[in-house]
N, C-alpha and C. Protein backbone atom coordinates (compact mmCIF):
# COMPACT_ATOMS: atom_id res chain seq x y z
N MET A 1 -38.14 24.96 -2.72
CA MET A 1 -38.48 26.05 -1.85
C MET A 1 -37.80 25.82 -0.51
N ILE A 2 -37.23 26.83 0.02
CA ILE A 2 -36.62 26.77 1.35
C ILE A 2 -37.46 27.67 2.24
N GLY A 3 -38.06 27.09 3.27
CA GLY A 3 -38.92 27.88 4.15
C GLY A 3 -38.57 27.67 5.61
N ASP A 4 -39.04 28.56 6.45
CA ASP A 4 -38.80 28.38 7.88
C ASP A 4 -39.93 27.57 8.49
N LYS A 5 -39.88 27.39 9.81
CA LYS A 5 -40.83 26.51 10.49
C LYS A 5 -42.27 26.98 10.40
N GLY A 6 -42.48 28.23 10.11
CA GLY A 6 -43.83 28.76 9.98
C GLY A 6 -44.57 28.20 8.78
N TYR A 7 -43.84 27.65 7.82
CA TYR A 7 -44.44 27.11 6.60
C TYR A 7 -44.47 25.59 6.60
N SER A 8 -44.44 24.97 7.76
CA SER A 8 -44.36 23.51 7.81
C SER A 8 -45.71 22.84 8.02
N THR A 9 -46.79 23.49 7.66
CA THR A 9 -48.11 22.87 7.84
C THR A 9 -48.34 21.80 6.78
N LYS A 10 -49.25 20.90 7.10
CA LYS A 10 -49.58 19.82 6.16
C LYS A 10 -50.14 20.38 4.85
N ALA A 11 -50.97 21.38 4.94
CA ALA A 11 -51.60 21.96 3.75
C ALA A 11 -50.57 22.55 2.80
N ILE A 12 -49.60 23.27 3.34
CA ILE A 12 -48.58 23.89 2.50
C ILE A 12 -47.71 22.81 1.86
N ARG A 13 -47.33 21.81 2.64
CA ARG A 13 -46.51 20.72 2.09
C ARG A 13 -47.27 19.97 0.99
N ALA A 14 -48.56 19.72 1.20
CA ALA A 14 -49.36 19.01 0.20
C ALA A 14 -49.48 19.85 -1.08
N HIS A 15 -49.67 21.15 -0.93
CA HIS A 15 -49.79 22.04 -2.09
C HIS A 15 -48.49 22.02 -2.91
N LEU A 16 -47.35 22.10 -2.23
CA LEU A 16 -46.07 22.07 -2.92
C LEU A 16 -45.85 20.72 -3.61
N ARG A 17 -46.26 19.64 -2.95
CA ARG A 17 -46.10 18.31 -3.52
C ARG A 17 -46.93 18.16 -4.80
N ARG A 18 -48.18 18.67 -4.77
CA ARG A 18 -49.05 18.59 -5.95
C ARG A 18 -48.45 19.32 -7.13
N ARG A 19 -47.77 20.42 -6.86
CA ARG A 19 -47.17 21.21 -7.94
C ARG A 19 -45.77 20.73 -8.33
N GLY A 20 -45.27 19.72 -7.63
CA GLY A 20 -43.97 19.16 -7.96
C GLY A 20 -42.80 20.01 -7.50
N ILE A 21 -43.01 20.79 -6.44
CA ILE A 21 -41.97 21.67 -5.93
C ILE A 21 -41.28 20.98 -4.75
N ALA A 22 -39.98 20.83 -4.83
CA ALA A 22 -39.21 20.24 -3.73
C ALA A 22 -39.08 21.28 -2.63
N ALA A 23 -39.37 20.86 -1.40
CA ALA A 23 -39.34 21.80 -0.28
C ALA A 23 -38.38 21.31 0.79
N THR A 24 -37.65 22.25 1.37
CA THR A 24 -36.80 21.99 2.52
C THR A 24 -37.30 22.89 3.64
N ILE A 25 -38.14 22.31 4.50
CA ILE A 25 -38.75 23.06 5.59
C ILE A 25 -38.59 22.23 6.86
N PRO A 26 -37.99 22.77 7.91
CA PRO A 26 -37.88 22.00 9.15
C PRO A 26 -39.23 21.84 9.82
N GLU A 27 -39.38 20.75 10.55
CA GLU A 27 -40.63 20.51 11.27
C GLU A 27 -40.63 21.26 12.59
N ARG A 28 -41.78 21.74 12.99
CA ARG A 28 -41.91 22.35 14.31
C ARG A 28 -41.89 21.27 15.37
N ARG A 29 -41.50 21.62 16.56
CA ARG A 29 -41.38 20.66 17.65
C ARG A 29 -42.72 19.99 17.96
N ASP A 30 -43.80 20.75 17.96
CA ASP A 30 -45.11 20.16 18.26
C ASP A 30 -45.54 19.17 17.18
N GLN A 31 -45.18 19.43 15.92
CA GLN A 31 -45.52 18.49 14.85
C GLN A 31 -44.74 17.19 14.99
N VAL A 32 -43.49 17.31 15.39
CA VAL A 32 -42.67 16.10 15.60
C VAL A 32 -43.27 15.27 16.72
N CYS A 33 -43.64 15.92 17.82
CA CYS A 33 -44.22 15.20 18.97
C CYS A 33 -45.53 14.52 18.58
N ASN A 34 -46.37 15.22 17.83
CA ASN A 34 -47.65 14.64 17.42
C ASN A 34 -47.44 13.44 16.49
N ARG A 35 -46.47 13.56 15.58
CA ARG A 35 -46.19 12.46 14.67
C ARG A 35 -45.66 11.25 15.43
N LEU A 36 -44.77 11.48 16.38
CA LEU A 36 -44.20 10.38 17.16
C LEU A 36 -45.23 9.74 18.08
N ARG A 37 -46.20 10.52 18.51
CA ARG A 37 -47.23 9.99 19.40
C ARG A 37 -48.05 8.90 18.72
N TYR A 38 -48.22 9.02 17.40
CA TYR A 38 -48.98 8.02 16.65
C TYR A 38 -48.15 6.78 16.34
N GLY A 39 -46.88 6.82 16.63
CA GLY A 39 -46.02 5.66 16.39
C GLY A 39 -45.86 5.39 14.90
N SER A 40 -46.01 4.12 14.50
CA SER A 40 -45.82 3.75 13.09
C SER A 40 -46.93 4.33 12.22
N ARG A 41 -48.08 4.67 12.79
CA ARG A 41 -49.17 5.27 12.02
C ARG A 41 -48.95 6.76 11.78
N GLY A 42 -47.96 7.34 12.44
CA GLY A 42 -47.68 8.77 12.30
C GLY A 42 -46.99 9.13 11.01
N GLY A 43 -46.54 8.12 10.30
CA GLY A 43 -45.86 8.38 9.03
C GLY A 43 -44.40 8.70 9.23
N ARG A 44 -43.72 8.83 8.13
CA ARG A 44 -42.30 9.15 8.22
C ARG A 44 -42.11 10.66 8.18
N PRO A 45 -41.01 11.13 8.72
CA PRO A 45 -40.78 12.58 8.71
C PRO A 45 -40.56 13.10 7.30
N PRO A 46 -40.96 14.35 7.04
CA PRO A 46 -40.73 14.93 5.71
C PRO A 46 -39.23 15.09 5.45
N VAL A 47 -38.87 15.11 4.19
CA VAL A 47 -37.47 15.24 3.80
C VAL A 47 -36.96 16.62 4.21
N PHE A 48 -35.77 16.63 4.79
CA PHE A 48 -35.16 17.89 5.21
C PHE A 48 -33.66 17.80 4.95
N TYR A 49 -33.14 18.72 4.13
CA TYR A 49 -31.72 18.74 3.79
C TYR A 49 -31.06 19.91 4.51
N LYS A 50 -30.21 19.59 5.49
CA LYS A 50 -29.56 20.65 6.25
C LYS A 50 -28.66 21.53 5.38
N GLY A 51 -27.95 20.89 4.45
CA GLY A 51 -27.04 21.64 3.59
C GLY A 51 -27.77 22.67 2.75
N VAL A 52 -28.95 22.31 2.24
CA VAL A 52 -29.75 23.24 1.45
C VAL A 52 -30.33 24.33 2.33
N TYR A 53 -30.75 23.95 3.54
CA TYR A 53 -31.38 24.92 4.44
C TYR A 53 -30.40 26.01 4.86
N ARG A 54 -29.12 25.70 4.88
CA ARG A 54 -28.12 26.70 5.27
C ARG A 54 -28.06 27.87 4.28
N TRP A 55 -28.44 27.64 3.03
CA TRP A 55 -28.45 28.70 2.03
C TRP A 55 -29.53 29.73 2.31
N ARG A 56 -30.51 29.37 3.13
CA ARG A 56 -31.58 30.31 3.47
C ARG A 56 -31.01 31.56 4.14
N ASN A 57 -29.98 31.37 4.96
CA ASN A 57 -29.33 32.50 5.63
C ASN A 57 -28.71 33.44 4.62
N VAL A 58 -28.11 32.91 3.57
CA VAL A 58 -27.49 33.74 2.54
C VAL A 58 -28.54 34.62 1.86
N VAL A 59 -29.68 34.02 1.56
CA VAL A 59 -30.76 34.77 0.92
C VAL A 59 -31.30 35.85 1.85
N GLU A 60 -31.48 35.52 3.12
CA GLU A 60 -31.99 36.51 4.08
C GLU A 60 -31.01 37.67 4.23
N CYS A 61 -29.72 37.37 4.29
CA CYS A 61 -28.72 38.44 4.40
C CYS A 61 -28.75 39.34 3.17
N CYS A 62 -28.95 38.76 2.01
CA CYS A 62 -29.03 39.55 0.78
C CYS A 62 -30.22 40.50 0.84
N PHE A 63 -31.38 40.00 1.27
CA PHE A 63 -32.55 40.87 1.37
C PHE A 63 -32.34 41.97 2.41
N ASN A 64 -31.67 41.65 3.51
CA ASN A 64 -31.41 42.67 4.52
C ASN A 64 -30.51 43.77 3.97
N ARG A 65 -29.52 43.40 3.16
CA ARG A 65 -28.65 44.41 2.56
C ARG A 65 -29.43 45.30 1.59
N LEU A 66 -30.32 44.67 0.83
CA LEU A 66 -31.14 45.46 -0.10
C LEU A 66 -32.03 46.43 0.64
N LYS A 67 -32.58 46.00 1.76
CA LYS A 67 -33.42 46.90 2.55
C LYS A 67 -32.61 48.06 3.10
N GLN A 68 -31.39 47.77 3.55
CA GLN A 68 -30.54 48.84 4.07
C GLN A 68 -30.18 49.83 2.96
N TRP A 69 -29.86 49.34 1.78
CA TRP A 69 -29.52 50.22 0.67
C TRP A 69 -30.72 51.06 0.27
N ARG A 70 -31.89 50.48 0.28
CA ARG A 70 -33.10 51.22 -0.08
C ARG A 70 -33.30 52.39 0.87
N GLY A 71 -32.99 52.16 2.14
CA GLY A 71 -33.10 53.24 3.12
C GLY A 71 -32.18 54.40 2.80
N ILE A 72 -31.01 54.11 2.27
CA ILE A 72 -30.08 55.17 1.89
C ILE A 72 -30.54 55.83 0.60
N ALA A 73 -30.98 55.03 -0.37
CA ALA A 73 -31.35 55.54 -1.68
C ALA A 73 -32.59 56.42 -1.63
N THR A 74 -33.50 56.17 -0.72
CA THR A 74 -34.74 56.95 -0.66
C THR A 74 -34.72 57.98 0.46
N ARG A 75 -33.54 58.30 0.92
CA ARG A 75 -33.43 59.27 2.01
C ARG A 75 -33.84 60.66 1.51
N TYR A 76 -34.66 61.32 2.27
CA TYR A 76 -35.12 62.64 1.89
C TYR A 76 -34.29 63.71 2.59
N CYS A 77 -34.39 64.88 2.08
CA CYS A 77 -33.66 66.02 2.61
C CYS A 77 -34.10 66.28 4.05
N LYS A 78 -33.16 66.17 5.00
CA LYS A 78 -33.54 66.37 6.40
C LYS A 78 -32.92 67.63 6.98
N THR A 79 -31.89 68.15 6.35
CA THR A 79 -31.29 69.38 6.86
C THR A 79 -31.34 70.45 5.78
N THR A 80 -31.42 71.67 6.20
CA THR A 80 -31.49 72.77 5.24
C THR A 80 -30.15 72.95 4.53
N GLN A 81 -29.04 72.64 5.20
CA GLN A 81 -27.73 72.77 4.56
C GLN A 81 -27.64 71.83 3.36
N TRP A 82 -28.10 70.60 3.55
CA TRP A 82 -28.02 69.62 2.47
C TRP A 82 -28.90 70.07 1.30
N CYS A 83 -30.09 70.58 1.62
CA CYS A 83 -30.99 71.03 0.56
C CYS A 83 -30.40 72.23 -0.18
N ALA A 84 -29.79 73.16 0.54
CA ALA A 84 -29.21 74.34 -0.09
C ALA A 84 -28.08 73.92 -1.01
N GLY A 85 -27.26 72.99 -0.60
CA GLY A 85 -26.17 72.51 -1.44
C GLY A 85 -26.69 71.78 -2.66
N ARG A 86 -27.76 71.07 -2.53
CA ARG A 86 -28.34 70.31 -3.63
C ARG A 86 -28.92 71.25 -4.69
N ARG A 87 -29.53 72.34 -4.25
CA ARG A 87 -30.14 73.28 -5.18
C ARG A 87 -29.08 74.02 -6.01
N ALA A 88 -27.86 74.09 -5.49
CA ALA A 88 -26.81 74.80 -6.20
C ALA A 88 -26.32 74.03 -7.42
N LEU A 89 -26.57 72.73 -7.47
CA LEU A 89 -26.14 71.93 -8.61
C LEU A 89 -26.99 72.26 -9.83
N PRO A 90 -26.40 72.20 -11.01
CA PRO A 90 -27.20 72.46 -12.23
C PRO A 90 -28.26 71.39 -12.42
N ARG A 91 -29.35 71.75 -13.03
CA ARG A 91 -30.45 70.82 -13.25
C ARG A 91 -30.06 69.78 -14.29
N GLY A 92 -30.73 68.64 -14.21
CA GLY A 92 -30.47 67.58 -15.16
C GLY A 92 -29.45 66.55 -14.68
N ARG A 93 -28.92 66.73 -13.50
CA ARG A 93 -27.98 65.74 -12.96
C ARG A 93 -28.67 64.83 -12.01
């Protein structure tokens, strides 16, 4: 799973670990500070692969394109000229 910083809570990471799902989620700045404050008792940082995280942008761009296409595909008749031209076409097309 590739997630943004909003999904970096301990509970979410533990849930993914229990299910055997590998996660690449960056740590939030406050979590890093809290972990470092405990020193050696703070534990080690969670695994984070920058190369894998870069693919998140590709997925987001794909979803944005789909949203833009959906806006075109579900466009309703807004002008009377367009509607009049559409009605002139034979039915069944």
